[in-house]
Amino acid sequence: MTINEFYSNFDKLSKILQDLACSLTKNMEDARDLYQETAYRAFKNRQDAGNDKNFQTWSTNIMKSIFSNRKSRR
């Protein structure tokens, strides 16, 4: 996946990911942090994203994994 394709796909999912982050954290500040960390990790690992069809699942799985890891550390 090219950088431009990644950004296009991620932009399309932005609202969905922000809503998911709010739903998981129940806190706007934590939700913003979770969204940003998800964006960073997704970009860093964009070569693993596969095709456009699976991009949403792949991205939300990253977010859920980050949230789960943070929650288990507390």
Protein backbone atom coordinates (compact mmCIF):
# COMPACT_ATOMS: atom_id res chain seq x y z
CA MET A 1 0.00 0.00 0.00
CA THR A 2 1.41 3.37 -0.98
CA ILE A 3 1.55 6.27 1.43
CA ASN A 4 -1.19 8.08 -0.51
CA GLU A 5 -3.43 5.00 -0.44
CA PHE A 6 -2.82 4.64 3.27
CA TYR A 7 -3.72 8.26 4.00
CA SER A 8 -6.83 8.04 1.81
CA ASN A 9 -8.03 4.88 3.55
CA PHE A 10 -7.22 6.19 7.02
CA ASP A 11 -8.99 9.49 6.35
CA LYS A 12 -12.13 7.61 5.30
CA LEU A 13 -12.09 5.76 8.64
CA SER A 14 -11.21 8.72 10.81
CA LYS A 15 -14.72 9.30 12.20
CA ILE A 16 -15.29 5.58 12.81
CA LEU A 17 -11.98 5.28 14.67
CA GLN A 18 -12.60 8.40 16.72
CA ASP A 19 -16.05 7.11 17.71
CA LEU A 20 -14.59 3.73 18.62
CA ALA A 21 -11.89 5.38 20.73
CA CYS A 22 -14.55 7.38 22.61
CA SER A 23 -16.62 4.26 23.11
CA LEU A 24 -13.69 2.30 24.49
CA THR A 25 -12.20 4.96 26.77
CA LYS A 26 -15.29 6.93 27.85
CA ASN A 27 -12.96 9.95 28.07
CA MET A 28 -12.22 12.50 25.31
CA GLU A 29 -8.58 13.06 26.25
CA ASP A 30 -7.85 9.33 26.43
CA ALA A 31 -9.78 8.82 23.19
CA ARG A 32 -7.59 11.38 21.40
CA ASP A 33 -4.46 9.67 22.69
CA LEU A 34 -5.76 6.26 21.61
CA TYR A 35 -6.66 7.57 18.15
CA GLN A 36 -3.23 9.16 17.72
CA GLU A 37 -1.41 6.03 18.85
CA THR A 38 -3.52 3.97 16.45
CA ALA A 39 -2.71 6.32 13.56
CA TYR A 40 1.00 6.15 14.38
CA ARG A 41 1.12 2.35 14.61
CA ALA A 42 -1.02 1.88 11.53
CA PHE A 43 1.27 4.17 9.51
CA LYS A 44 4.37 2.51 10.89
CA ASN A 45 3.04 -0.92 9.89
CA ARG A 46 1.19 0.06 6.72
CA GLN A 47 2.97 -2.67 4.75
CA ASP A 48 0.85 -5.16 6.74
CA ALA A 49 -2.47 -3.46 5.92
CA GLY A 50 -3.33 -5.65 2.98
CA ASN A 51 -6.08 -4.45 0.67
CA ASP A 52 -8.68 -1.72 1.01
CA LYS A 53 -11.39 -4.24 1.88
CA ASN A 54 -9.68 -5.31 5.12
CA PHE A 55 -8.29 -1.91 6.09
CA GLN A 56 -11.08 -1.05 8.53
CA THR A 57 -10.81 -4.38 10.33
CA TRP A 58 -7.03 -4.10 10.45
CA SER A 59 -7.16 -0.54 11.83
CA THR A 60 -9.81 -1.25 14.45
CA ASN A 61 -7.89 -4.32 15.58
CA ILE A 62 -4.83 -2.12 16.14
CA MET A 63 -6.92 0.26 18.26
CA LYS A 64 -8.49 -2.53 20.29
CA SER A 65 -5.10 -4.09 20.89
CA ILE A 66 -3.60 -0.81 22.12
CA PHE A 67 -6.60 -0.24 24.39
CA SER A 68 -6.43 -3.76 25.78
CA ASN A 69 -2.71 -3.49 26.45
CA ARG A 70 -3.12 -0.16 28.24
CA LYS A 71 -5.99 -1.49 30.31
CA SER A 72 -4.06 -4.58 31.41
CA ARG A 73 -1.13 -2.44 32.61
CA ARG A 74 -3.29 -0.49 35.06
